[in-house]
C-alpha atoms as a PDB file:
ATOM      1  CA  MET A   1     -23.802  14.921  36.746  1.00  0.00           C
ATOM      2  CA  VAL A   2     -27.208  14.208  38.110  1.00  0.00           C
ATOM      3  CA  SER A   3     -25.814  12.687  41.128  1.00  0.00           C
ATOM      4  CA  VAL A   4     -24.363  15.871  42.245  1.00  0.00           C
ATOM      5  CA  LEU A   5     -27.603  17.813  42.137  1.00  0.00           C
ATOM      6  CA  PRO A   6     -28.234  17.260  45.813  1.00  0.00           C
ATOM      7  CA  TYR A   7     -25.023  19.167  46.615  1.00  0.00           C
ATOM      8  CA  ILE A   8     -26.107  22.366  44.648  1.00  0.00           C
ATOM      9  CA  PRO A   9     -27.653  25.333  46.624  1.00  0.00           C
ATOM     10  CA  ILE A  10     -31.466  25.215  46.236  1.00  0.00           C
ATOM     11  CA  GLN A  11     -31.303  28.701  44.818  1.00  0.00           C
ATOM     12  CA  ASP A  12     -29.162  27.545  42.035  1.00  0.00           C
ATOM     13  CA  MET A  13     -30.978  24.399  41.394  1.00  0.00           C
ATOM     14  CA  GLU A  14     -33.082  25.600  38.405  1.00  0.00           C
ATOM     15  CA  GLU A  15     -30.014  26.953  36.527  1.00  0.00           C
ATOM     16  CA  ALA A  16     -27.962  23.810  37.144  1.00  0.00           C
ATOM     17  CA  VAL A  17     -30.995  21.639  35.963  1.00  0.00           C
ATOM     18  CA  ASP A  18     -31.379  23.831  32.851  1.00  0.00           C
ATOM     19  CA  SER A  19     -27.757  23.697  31.964  1.00  0.00           C
ATOM     20  CA  LEU A  20     -27.746  19.785  32.289  1.00  0.00           C
ATOM     21  CA  ALA A  21     -30.852  19.485  29.909  1.00  0.00           C
ATOM     22  CA  GLU A  22     -29.025  21.562  27.254  1.00  0.00           C
ATOM     23  CA  ILE A  23     -26.242  18.878  27.178  1.00  0.00           C
ATOM     24  CA  LEU A  24     -28.234  15.927  27.982  1.00  0.00           C
ATOM     25  CA  PRO A  25     -28.421  13.342  24.919  1.00  0.00           C
ATOM     26  CA  GLU A  26     -32.030  12.871  23.486  1.00  0.00           C
ATOM     27  CA  VAL A  27     -32.083   9.240  24.606  1.00  0.00           C
ATOM     28  CA  LEU A  28     -31.898  10.390  28.267  1.00  0.00           C
ATOM     29  CA  GLN A  29     -34.723  13.033  27.780  1.00  0.00           C
ATOM     30  CA  PRO A  30     -37.419  10.784  29.478  1.00  0.00           C
ATOM     31  CA  HIS A  31     -35.174  10.377  32.635  1.00  0.00           C
ATOM     32  CA  GLN A  32     -34.680  14.180  32.836  1.00  0.00           C
ATOM     33  CA  GLU A  33     -38.290  14.771  32.641  1.00  0.00           C
ATOM     34  CA  TRP A  34     -39.062  12.136  35.285  1.00  0.00           C
ATOM     35  CA  PHE A  35     -36.463  13.848  37.511  1.00  0.00           C
ATOM     36  CA  GLU A  36     -37.947  17.294  36.930  1.00  0.00           C
ATOM     37  CA  ASP A  37     -41.476  15.975  37.739  1.00  0.00           C
ATOM     38  CA  ASN A  38     -40.344  14.539  41.020  1.00  0.00           C
ATOM     39  CA  TYR A  39     -37.490  16.613  42.324  1.00  0.00           C
ATOM     40  CA  ILE A  40     -37.212  19.958  40.630  1.00  0.00           C
ATOM     41  CA  GLY A  41     -40.722  20.676  39.375  1.00  0.00           C
ATOM     42  CA  ARG A  42     -41.607  20.673  35.591  1.00  0.00           C
ATOM     43  CA  LEU A  43     -41.145  23.994  33.729  1.00  0.00           C
ATOM     44  CA  ASN A  44     -44.727  25.702  33.421  1.00  0.00           C
ATOM     45  CA  ARG A  45     -44.627  27.883  30.280  1.00  0.00           C
ATOM     46  CA  ARG A  46     -48.051  29.529  31.059  1.00  0.00           C
ATOM     47  CA  ARG A  47     -46.741  30.908  34.308  1.00  0.00           C
ATOM     48  CA  ASN A  48     -43.127  31.471  33.585  1.00  0.00           C
ATOM     49  CA  GLY A  49     -42.006  29.257  36.444  1.00  0.00           C
ATOM     50  CA  ARG A  50     -42.057  25.723  37.624  1.00  0.00           C
ATOM     51  CA  ARG A  51     -44.651  23.496  39.162  1.00  0.00           C
ATOM     52  CA  PRO A  52     -44.125  22.353  42.650  1.00  0.00           C
ATOM     53  CA  PRO A  53     -42.134  18.916  42.549  1.00  0.00           C
ATOM     54  CA  ILE A  54     -43.494  15.774  44.180  1.00  0.00           C
ATOM     55  CA  PHE A  55     -40.681  15.892  46.764  1.00  0.00           C
ATOM     56  CA  PRO A  56     -39.838  19.390  48.056  1.00  0.00           C
ATOM     57  CA  HIS A  57     -36.155  20.517  47.641  1.00  0.00           C
ATOM     58  CA  GLU A  58     -35.712  20.772  51.384  1.00  0.00           C
ATOM     59  CA  MET A  59     -36.471  16.917  51.724  1.00  0.00           C
ATOM     60  CA  TRP A  60     -33.595  15.810  49.449  1.00  0.00           C
ATOM     61  CA  ASN A  61     -31.184  18.514  49.068  1.00  0.00           C
ATOM     62  CA  LEU A  62     -27.897  17.904  51.138  1.00  0.00           C
ATOM     63  CA  TYR A  63     -26.199  21.324  50.444  1.00  0.00           C
ATOM     64  CA  ASN A  64     -26.878  22.968  53.944  1.00  0.00           C
ATOM     65  CA  ARG A  65     -26.585  19.626  55.889  1.00  0.00           C
ATOM     66  CA  VAL A  66     -23.013  19.169  54.389  1.00  0.00           C
ATOM     67  CA  LEU A  67     -22.201  22.609  55.261  1.00  0.00           C
ATOM     68  CA  ASN A  68     -23.638  22.332  58.919  1.00  0.00           C
ATOM     69  CA  GLY A  69     -21.756  18.789  59.401  1.00  0.00           C
ATOM     70  CA  GLU A  70     -24.959  17.017  59.853  1.00  0.00           C
ATOM     71  CA  ILE A  71     -25.231  13.247  59.060  1.00  0.00           C
ATOM     72  CA  ARG A  72     -26.979  12.418  55.850  1.00  0.00           C
ATOM     73  CA  ILE A  73     -29.788  10.061  55.896  1.00  0.00           C
ATOM     74  CA  LYS A  74     -28.054   7.579  53.636  1.00  0.00           C
ATOM     75  CA  ASN A  75     -25.537   6.775  56.414  1.00  0.00           C
ATOM     76  CA  TYR A  76     -28.345   5.637  58.707  1.00  0.00           C
ATOM     77  CA  ALA A  77     -29.668   3.340  55.799  1.00  0.00           C
ATOM     78  CA  LYS A  78     -26.204   2.036  55.185  1.00  0.00           C
ATOM     79  CA  ALA A  79     -25.766   1.303  58.800  1.00  0.00           C
ATOM     80  CA  ALA A  80     -29.078  -0.582  59.059  1.00  0.00           C
ATOM     81  CA  HIS A  81     -28.131  -2.612  55.881  1.00  0.00           C
ATOM     82  CA  ARG A  82     -24.739  -3.598  57.249  1.00  0.00           C
ATOM     83  CA  ARG A  83     -26.521  -4.639  60.652  1.00  0.00           C
ATOM     84  CA  LEU A  84     -29.012  -6.734  58.909  1.00  0.00           C
ATOM     85  CA  GLN A  85     -26.429  -8.330  56.546  1.00  0.00           C
ATOM     86  CA  ALA A  86     -24.227  -9.197  59.614  1.00  0.00           C
ATOM     87  CA  GLU A  87     -27.338 -10.664  61.489  1.00  0.00           C
ATOM     88  CA  LEU A  88     -28.188 -12.744  58.284  1.00  0.00           C
ATOM     89  CA  GLY A  89     -24.617 -13.957  57.535  1.00  0.00           C
ATOM     90  CA  MET A  90     -25.513 -14.586  53.746  1.00  0.00           C
ATOM     91  CA  ASP A  91     -26.523 -12.689  50.704  1.00  0.00           C
ATOM     92  CA  HIS A  92     -29.595 -14.653  49.635  1.00  0.00           C
ATOM     93  CA  PRO A  93     -31.459 -16.148  52.770  1.00  0.00           C
ATOM     94  CA  SER A  94     -34.752 -17.914  52.734  1.00  0.00           C
ATOM     95  CA  ILE A  95     -37.843 -15.877  53.609  1.00  0.00           C
ATOM     96  CA  TRP A  96     -37.790 -17.519  57.124  1.00  0.00           C
ATOM     97  CA  LYS A  97     -34.281 -16.736  57.818  1.00  0.00           C
ATOM     98  CA  PHE A  98     -34.795 -13.167  56.757  1.00  0.00           C
ATOM     99  CA  ILE A  99     -37.871 -12.969  59.170  1.00  0.00           C
ATOM    100  CA  ASP A 100     -35.936 -14.440  62.008  1.00  0.00           C
ATOM    101  CA  GLY A 101     -32.949 -11.941  61.165  1.00  0.00           C
ATOM    102  CA  LEU A 102     -35.399  -9.105  61.278  1.00  0.00           C
ATOM    103  CA  ARG A 103     -36.787 -10.178  64.655  1.00  0.00           C
ATOM    104  CA  LYS A 104     -33.323 -10.470  66.125  1.00  0.00           C
ATOM    105  CA  VAL A 105     -32.263  -6.947  64.889  1.00  0.00           C
ATOM    106  CA  GLN A 106     -35.641  -5.625  66.252  1.00  0.00           C
ATOM    107  CA  HIS A 107     -35.003  -7.278  69.534  1.00  0.00           C
ATOM    108  CA  GLY A 108     -31.578  -5.538  69.682  1.00  0.00           C
ATOM    109  CA  ARG A 109     -33.245  -2.103  68.994  1.00  0.00           C
ATOM    110  CA  ASP A 110     -36.018  -2.883  71.552  1.00  0.00           C
ATOM    111  CA  PHE A 111     -33.310  -3.573  74.214  1.00  0.00           C
ATOM    112  CA  TYR A 112     -31.340  -0.483  73.467  1.00  0.00           C
ATOM    113  CA  TYR A 113     -34.578   1.636  73.569  1.00  0.00           C
ATOM    114  CA  GLU A 114     -35.410   0.199  77.046  1.00  0.00           C
ATOM    115  CA  LYS A 115     -31.889   1.075  78.382  1.00  0.00           C
ATOM    116  CA  LEU A 116     -32.397   4.685  77.143  1.00  0.00           C
ATOM    117  CA  ILE A 117     -35.933   5.001  78.626  1.00  0.00           C
ATOM    118  CA  ALA A 118     -34.476   3.567  82.026  1.00  0.00           C
ATOM    119  CA  GLY A 119     -31.979   6.316  81.974  1.00  0.00           C
ATOM    120  CA  GLN A 120     -28.938   4.069  81.370  1.00  0.00           C
ATOM    121  CA  LYS A 121     -26.235   4.962  78.893  1.00  0.00           C
ATOM    122  CA  TYR A 122     -25.749   2.489  76.103  1.00  0.00           C
ATOM    123  CA  PRO A 123     -22.339   2.284  74.618  1.00  0.00           C
ATOM    124  CA  LEU A 124     -22.151   4.150  71.241  1.00  0.00           C
ATOM    125  CA  SER A 125     -19.774   1.615  69.878  1.00  0.00           C
ATOM    126  CA  LEU A 126     -18.454  -1.720  71.013  1.00  0.00           C
ATOM    127  CA  LYS A 127     -14.904  -1.936  71.966  1.00  0.00           C
ATOM    128  CA  ILE A 128     -12.895  -4.862  70.688  1.00  0.00           C
ATOM    129  CA  VAL A 129     -10.851  -6.253  73.417  1.00  0.00           C
END
């Protein structure tokens, strides 16, 4: 259930985390406390509220992004990983092959950037003929 928390409206986040904490097994309590400290804000009994989390809700919550049809950041990371994996052509490269792969990918990004700066349109996707 923790994996769906980014898709809950921010105003309902506290209620969702509290409901989850009630049914969470004792063995998972340390994980729940870590999650609260970093992403929700630990309950502060003295002030009847929560402390600010390390990562603000707006940074990781996807509710509004999904409603607005915006691309989630995970998609960019997946695309970058696929590009690097395609360039390397193997799962466990040596450090030198990894560095060479990074250089080739960066060279491609630099080429793309230079085309944009020059005002040229770069194809968004390659057409297979």
